[in-house]
Amino acid sequence: MTVGEAWAAYVAARSHKWGDSHKRDHEKAILPGGERITRGRKKGQGEFSLPGMVHSLLAEPLKDLTPERLTTWMQANNARGATEAAKNFRPVRAFLGWCAERSEYAGLVRADACRTSEVRDQVQAANAKGDSLQREQLPLWFEHVRKLGNPVHSAYLQTLLLTGARREELAGLTWDCVDFQWKSLTIRDKVEGERTIPLTPYVSALLAALPRRNEWVFSSPSAASGRLQEPLKPHKKAMEAAGLPPFSLHDLRRSFGTLAERVECPVGVVAQIQGHKPSALAEKHYRRRPLDLLRMWHVKIEAWILEHAGIEQPCEGQVQGLRVVGN
């Protein structure tokens, strides 16, 4: 019994409980590599993609996943990138735990193979990142993001900041999840499955002005999927033009949470808008705020950010209807 055979059985048995991102991580982990990299290549990276970090284990017998073998595997992966190595270690640990609970694999694996000190010492903790837009940077950020030649890129980046959403859950927003009448957005959430948040005045105006080419709000005629695929590149372009640090897209999500404190918004409100797991017993079981209460605070957050960016928050009557255009 090879690792690859057991891994395929594990994914088939468990993937129905995973979100799309988690599924992609497992698929990426076992890719053989060798694909030509056509875009997004990092400095010093070769022309072809490297194998996934779990791929080197697939052909080995399941019984050979000993602490010694996993230590060697982690050392090789750390040389490629400690953060990515730690990310790939966790699925392997879960995989071995699953195998240990199955009669057909239990005699072939060491359930504690990932828990020995020699293996755990190879898992390097990732340093927490703390970059976020400062109040003084808001005018420059908005000025150059609004100047982007592609209105879909511009609207996406501004919406990302003003909703605090995750990059992929916003990129996957469809028109049937936008309710201009009742001022709400329904976002597919990796934690709860989906969440409904307020559609604030400025974001509503941004979305209403976008062309309605297909089902996707942030559409792209040139992408095979029909929607925006590479939002980081235009953001990087805007940051370079503005002379600002190279903020990541996740930094915009972090910025929303940080800037929301300026209006003394309750932490639980921000968490519910952003789709964070409740962090306290009361929040988990007794605090599910209605949309109108979330809207009251969300509009205040948006207004504060826009005020310090030098932009006037539109009134409801200024929001235009959808435009339907061809491909």
Protein backbone atom coordinates (compact mmCIF):
# COMPACT_ATOMS: atom_id res chain seq x y z
CA MET A 1 0.00 0.00 0.00
CA THR A 2 1.57 3.28 -1.12
CA VAL A 3 1.05 6.73 0.34
CA GLY A 4 -0.53 7.79 -2.96
CA GLU A 5 -3.19 5.07 -2.83
CA ALA A 6 -4.10 5.86 0.77
CA TRP A 7 -4.02 9.63 0.08
CA ALA A 8 -6.54 9.22 -2.75
CA ALA A 9 -8.84 7.24 -0.43
CA TYR A 10 -8.43 9.88 2.28
CA VAL A 11 -9.35 12.76 -0.05
CA ALA A 12 -12.34 10.85 -1.44
CA ALA A 13 -13.60 10.14 2.08
CA ARG A 14 -13.06 13.58 3.59
CA SER A 15 -13.24 16.20 0.82
CA HIS A 16 -17.02 16.63 1.06
CA LYS A 17 -16.41 18.38 4.38
CA TRP A 18 -13.77 20.76 2.99
CA GLY A 19 -14.10 24.18 1.46
CA ASP A 20 -12.84 24.96 -2.05
CA SER A 21 -9.60 26.48 -0.77
CA HIS A 22 -8.81 23.45 1.38
CA LYS A 23 -9.48 21.15 -1.57
CA ARG A 24 -7.13 23.18 -3.76
CA ASP A 25 -4.41 22.96 -1.10
CA HIS A 26 -4.62 19.16 -1.16
CA GLU A 27 -4.56 19.10 -4.96
CA LYS A 28 -1.59 21.46 -5.10
CA ALA A 29 0.32 19.39 -2.53
CA ILE A 30 0.56 16.37 -4.84
CA LEU A 31 1.08 18.05 -8.23
CA PRO A 32 4.04 16.57 -10.13
CA GLY A 33 5.31 19.97 -11.26
CA GLY A 34 6.97 20.69 -14.58
CA GLU A 35 4.22 23.05 -15.78
CA ARG A 36 5.47 26.08 -17.67
CA ILE A 37 4.94 29.24 -15.60
CA THR A 38 3.42 31.88 -17.83
CA ARG A 39 2.61 34.58 -15.28
CA GLY A 40 3.12 35.53 -11.64
CA ARG A 41 6.65 34.15 -11.57
CA LYS A 42 8.61 35.31 -8.53
CA LYS A 43 12.15 36.62 -8.67
CA GLY A 44 14.63 33.72 -8.82
CA GLN A 45 11.92 31.20 -9.71
CA GLY A 46 12.56 28.86 -12.60
CA GLU A 47 10.58 28.64 -15.81
CA PHE A 48 8.74 25.50 -14.70
CA SER A 49 6.71 24.81 -11.57
CA LEU A 50 8.12 22.65 -8.77
CA PRO A 51 6.37 19.49 -7.56
CA GLY A 52 3.94 19.81 -4.67
CA MET A 53 5.57 19.25 -1.32
CA VAL A 54 3.69 15.99 -0.67
CA HIS A 55 4.38 14.59 -4.15
CA SER A 56 7.75 13.09 -3.14
CA LEU A 57 5.98 10.82 -0.62
CA LEU A 58 3.30 9.38 -2.91
CA ALA A 59 5.25 6.44 -4.35
CA GLU A 60 6.61 5.31 -0.98
CA PRO A 61 5.09 2.48 1.06
CA LEU A 62 2.73 3.76 3.72
CA LYS A 63 4.65 1.87 6.38
CA ASP A 64 7.79 3.89 5.57
CA LEU A 65 6.35 7.18 6.88
CA THR A 66 8.46 7.01 10.00
CA PRO A 67 9.57 9.99 12.11
CA GLU A 68 13.00 9.73 10.46
CA ARG A 69 11.53 9.87 6.94
CA LEU A 70 9.22 12.75 7.81
CA THR A 71 12.10 14.66 9.38
CA THR A 72 14.08 14.36 6.15
CA TRP A 73 10.99 15.35 4.15
CA MET A 74 10.43 18.47 6.25
CA GLN A 75 14.09 19.49 6.01
CA ALA A 76 13.90 19.33 2.21
CA ASN A 77 10.67 21.33 2.18
CA ASN A 78 12.04 23.94 4.60
CA ALA A 79 14.81 24.61 2.10
CA ARG A 80 12.09 25.58 -0.40
CA GLY A 81 10.11 27.68 2.07
CA ALA A 82 9.45 27.23 5.77
CA THR A 83 5.95 28.73 5.72
CA GLU A 84 4.79 26.54 2.82
CA ALA A 85 6.45 23.52 4.45
CA ALA A 86 4.51 24.07 7.67
CA LYS A 87 1.30 24.46 5.65
CA ASN A 88 1.90 21.08 3.95
CA PHE A 89 2.84 19.37 7.20
CA ARG A 90 -0.66 19.81 8.65
CA PRO A 91 -2.52 17.85 5.90
CA VAL A 92 0.00 15.01 6.21
CA ARG A 93 -0.53 14.92 9.97
CA ALA A 94 -4.32 14.80 9.48
CA PHE A 95 -3.90 12.12 6.80
CA LEU A 96 -1.89 9.86 9.14
CA GLY A 97 -4.43 10.36 11.90
CA TRP A 98 -7.22 9.31 9.53
CA CYS A 99 -5.27 6.23 8.41
CA ALA A 100 -4.69 5.17 12.02
CA GLU A 101 -8.45 5.08 12.58
CA ARG A 102 -9.11 2.77 9.60
CA SER A 103 -8.66 -0.99 9.97
CA GLU A 104 -7.22 -1.33 6.46
CA TYR A 105 -4.40 1.10 7.23
CA ALA A 106 -4.03 0.97 11.02
CA GLY A 107 -1.30 -1.68 10.95
CA LEU A 108 0.69 0.20 8.34
CA VAL A 109 1.09 3.64 9.88
CA ARG A 110 2.52 5.17 12.99
CA ALA A 111 -0.16 7.52 14.26
CA ASP A 112 2.40 9.44 16.30
CA ALA A 113 4.90 9.84 13.44
CA CYS A 114 4.16 13.57 13.12
CA ARG A 115 4.09 14.12 16.87
CA THR A 116 7.63 13.16 17.77
CA SER A 117 9.92 15.98 18.81
CA GLU A 118 12.34 15.39 15.94
CA VAL A 119 9.56 16.04 13.40
CA ARG A 120 7.85 18.89 15.27
CA ASP A 121 11.18 20.69 15.61
CA GLN A 122 11.24 20.98 11.81
CA VAL A 123 7.89 22.81 11.70
CA GLN A 124 8.77 26.47 11.86
CA ALA A 125 6.18 28.89 13.15
CA ALA A 126 5.22 31.58 10.65
CA ASN A 127 5.75 35.13 11.79
CA ALA A 128 2.49 37.01 12.16
CA LYS A 129 2.08 39.76 9.59
CA GLY A 130 0.78 43.10 10.68
CA ASP A 131 0.70 45.40 7.67
CA SER A 132 -2.35 47.57 7.16
CA LEU A 133 -3.18 50.91 5.58
CA GLN A 134 -2.74 53.89 7.86
CA ARG A 135 -5.21 56.76 7.95
CA GLU A 136 -2.65 59.08 6.30
CA GLN A 137 -2.21 56.64 3.40
CA LEU A 138 -5.89 56.45 2.49
CA PRO A 139 -5.97 59.47 0.10
CA LEU A 140 -3.03 58.14 -1.94
CA TRP A 141 -4.36 54.59 -1.95
CA PHE A 142 -7.81 55.58 -3.21
CA GLU A 143 -6.42 58.09 -5.71
CA HIS A 144 -4.25 55.54 -7.50
CA VAL A 145 -6.62 52.58 -7.22
CA ARG A 146 -9.38 54.71 -8.76
CA LYS A 147 -7.02 55.65 -11.59
CA LEU A 148 -6.55 52.05 -12.69
CA GLY A 149 -7.50 51.64 -16.32
CA ASN A 150 -9.71 48.61 -15.71
CA PRO A 151 -12.87 49.59 -13.77
CA VAL A 152 -13.36 45.99 -12.59
CA HIS A 153 -9.91 45.98 -10.95
CA SER A 154 -10.58 49.36 -9.37
CA ALA A 155 -14.00 48.37 -8.01
CA TYR A 156 -12.75 45.02 -6.74
CA LEU A 157 -9.87 46.52 -4.74
CA GLN A 158 -12.02 49.26 -3.22
CA THR A 159 -14.73 46.74 -2.31
CA LEU A 160 -12.12 44.46 -0.78
CA LEU A 161 -11.01 47.25 1.56
CA LEU A 162 -14.52 48.49 2.39
CA THR A 163 -15.98 45.05 3.18
CA GLY A 164 -12.96 43.34 4.76
CA ALA A 165 -13.77 40.23 2.72
CA ARG A 166 -11.31 37.49 1.79
CA ARG A 167 -9.88 37.89 -1.71
CA GLU A 168 -11.33 34.72 -3.22
CA GLU A 169 -14.77 34.94 -1.64
CA LEU A 170 -15.15 38.44 -3.09
CA ALA A 171 -13.73 37.47 -6.49
CA GLY A 172 -16.36 34.70 -6.60
CA LEU A 173 -19.27 37.08 -5.97
CA THR A 174 -22.14 36.58 -8.44
CA TRP A 175 -24.91 38.99 -9.41
CA ASP A 176 -27.61 36.87 -7.83
CA CYS A 177 -25.89 37.47 -4.47
CA VAL A 178 -26.16 41.27 -4.79
CA ASP A 179 -29.43 42.74 -3.59
CA PHE A 180 -29.62 46.43 -4.45
CA GLN A 181 -33.20 46.70 -3.16
CA TRP A 182 -32.52 45.42 0.36
CA LYS A 183 -28.89 46.54 0.35
CA SER A 184 -27.14 43.26 1.07
CA LEU A 185 -24.35 41.03 -0.25
CA THR A 186 -24.38 37.27 0.25
CA ILE A 187 -20.81 35.99 0.32
CA ARG A 188 -19.78 32.34 0.12
CA ASP A 189 -17.91 31.93 3.37
CA LYS A 190 -15.20 29.35 4.11
CA VAL A 191 -16.26 29.28 7.80
CA GLU A 192 -20.08 29.35 7.82
CA GLY A 193 -20.80 28.37 4.22
CA GLU A 194 -22.17 31.82 3.44
CA ARG A 195 -22.81 35.09 5.22
CA THR A 196 -24.93 38.13 4.41
CA ILE A 197 -23.42 41.56 4.98
CA PRO A 198 -24.65 45.10 4.29
CA LEU A 199 -24.30 46.67 0.85
CA THR A 200 -23.02 50.10 1.85
CA PRO A 201 -23.69 53.22 -0.30
CA TYR A 202 -20.25 53.61 -1.88
CA VAL A 203 -19.80 49.90 -2.57
CA SER A 204 -23.32 49.80 -4.01
CA ALA A 205 -22.40 52.62 -6.42
CA LEU A 206 -19.19 50.80 -7.41
CA LEU A 207 -20.99 47.56 -8.20
CA ALA A 208 -23.93 49.22 -9.97
CA ALA A 209 -21.50 50.89 -12.39
CA LEU A 210 -19.87 47.60 -13.44
CA PRO A 211 -20.72 45.93 -16.75
CA ARG A 212 -22.91 42.85 -16.39
CA ARG A 213 -21.19 40.53 -18.88
CA ASN A 214 -21.99 37.23 -17.20
CA GLU A 215 -22.85 35.78 -13.78
CA TRP A 216 -19.73 37.21 -12.11
CA VAL A 217 -19.75 40.67 -10.55
CA PHE A 218 -16.02 41.10 -11.16
CA SER A 219 -16.02 39.70 -14.67
CA SER A 220 -13.14 39.26 -17.07
CA PRO A 221 -13.72 38.58 -20.79
CA SER A 222 -10.14 37.33 -21.20
CA ALA A 223 -10.26 34.74 -18.37
CA ALA A 224 -11.38 31.20 -19.08
CA SER A 225 -13.51 31.25 -15.92
CA GLY A 226 -15.12 34.53 -16.94
CA ARG A 227 -14.11 36.27 -13.71
CA LEU A 228 -11.20 38.19 -12.25
CA GLN A 229 -8.18 35.93 -11.64
CA GLU A 230 -5.12 38.11 -10.95
CA PRO A 231 -6.15 41.04 -8.72
CA LEU A 232 -2.72 41.35 -7.07
CA LYS A 233 -0.98 42.65 -10.18
CA PRO A 234 -3.13 45.80 -10.61
CA HIS A 235 -2.91 46.45 -6.88
CA LYS A 236 0.87 46.25 -7.01
CA LYS A 237 0.84 48.65 -9.97
CA ALA A 238 -1.26 51.16 -8.03
CA MET A 239 0.97 50.89 -4.95
CA GLU A 240 4.10 51.53 -6.99
CA ALA A 241 2.51 54.57 -8.63
CA ALA A 242 1.44 55.91 -5.23
CA GLY A 243 4.83 55.30 -3.63
CA LEU A 244 3.21 53.13 -0.94
CA PRO A 245 4.59 49.90 0.55
CA PRO A 246 3.66 46.70 -1.35
CA PHE A 247 0.53 45.82 0.63
CA SER A 248 -0.91 42.37 -0.03
CA LEU A 249 -4.60 41.83 -0.71
CA HIS A 250 -4.97 40.26 2.72
CA ASP A 251 -3.54 43.47 4.17
CA LEU A 252 -6.67 45.23 2.87
CA ARG A 253 -8.81 42.80 4.89
CA ARG A 254 -6.63 43.48 7.89
CA SER A 255 -6.93 47.24 7.26
CA PHE A 256 -10.73 47.08 7.42
CA GLY A 257 -10.61 45.53 10.90
CA THR A 258 -8.02 48.02 12.09
CA LEU A 259 -9.70 51.13 10.69
CA ALA A 260 -13.10 50.01 12.06
CA GLU A 261 -11.76 50.68 15.56
CA ARG A 262 -11.67 54.40 14.72
CA VAL A 263 -15.47 54.56 14.91
CA GLU A 264 -15.50 52.47 18.12
CA CYS A 265 -17.36 49.69 16.33
CA PRO A 266 -18.00 46.61 18.52
CA VAL A 267 -15.47 43.88 17.81
CA GLY A 268 -18.24 41.33 17.30
CA VAL A 269 -19.82 43.44 14.55
CA VAL A 270 -16.54 43.62 12.64
CA ALA A 271 -16.01 39.87 13.08
CA GLN A 272 -19.50 39.08 11.76
CA ILE A 273 -19.01 41.33 8.71
CA GLN A 274 -15.61 39.79 7.96
CA GLY A 275 -16.69 36.21 8.58
CA HIS A 276 -14.44 35.46 11.53
CA LYS A 277 -15.29 32.65 13.90
CA PRO A 278 -16.84 33.93 17.17
CA SER A 279 -14.06 34.22 19.74
CA ALA A 280 -16.12 34.05 22.93
CA LEU A 281 -18.93 31.90 24.29
CA ALA A 282 -21.45 34.75 24.28
CA GLU A 283 -20.58 35.69 20.69
CA LYS A 284 -20.85 32.07 19.55
CA HIS A 285 -24.22 31.25 21.10
CA TYR A 286 -26.04 34.52 21.84
CA ARG A 287 -24.88 37.24 19.40
CA ARG A 288 -26.13 37.03 15.82
CA ARG A 289 -26.79 40.63 14.92
CA PRO A 290 -29.51 41.41 12.34
CA LEU A 291 -28.55 42.98 9.04
CA ASP A 292 -29.92 46.42 9.92
CA LEU A 293 -27.68 46.61 13.00
CA LEU A 294 -24.66 45.53 10.97
CA ARG A 295 -25.58 48.14 8.36
CA MET A 296 -25.67 50.95 10.90
CA TRP A 297 -22.04 50.26 11.87
CA HIS A 298 -20.82 49.28 8.41
CA VAL A 299 -22.05 52.56 6.90
CA LYS A 300 -20.21 54.44 9.66
CA ILE A 301 -17.00 52.52 8.94
CA GLU A 302 -17.27 53.23 5.22
CA ALA A 303 -18.05 56.91 5.84
CA TRP A 304 -15.01 57.31 8.12
CA ILE A 305 -12.66 55.67 5.60
CA LEU A 306 -14.03 57.75 2.72
CA GLU A 307 -13.89 60.97 4.72
CA HIS A 308 -10.19 60.50 5.42
CA ALA A 309 -9.61 59.50 1.81
CA GLY A 310 -11.19 62.77 0.69
CA ILE A 311 -14.20 61.08 -0.95
CA GLU A 312 -17.84 61.91 -0.33
CA GLN A 313 -20.07 58.99 0.59
CA PRO A 314 -22.96 58.89 -1.93
CA CYS A 315 -26.60 59.08 -0.95
CA GLU A 316 -28.88 56.17 -1.79
CA GLY A 317 -30.48 58.11 -4.64
CA GLN A 318 -27.12 58.45 -6.38
CA VAL A 319 -26.71 54.69 -6.90
CA GLN A 320 -27.25 53.81 -10.55
CA GLY A 321 -28.82 50.65 -11.93
CA LEU A 322 -26.99 47.77 -13.60
CA ARG A 323 -25.67 48.03 -17.13
CA VAL A 324 -25.91 44.96 -19.37
CA VAL A 325 -23.14 44.78 -21.97
CA GLY A 326 -21.93 42.26 -24.48
CA ASN A 327 -18.75 40.20 -24.20
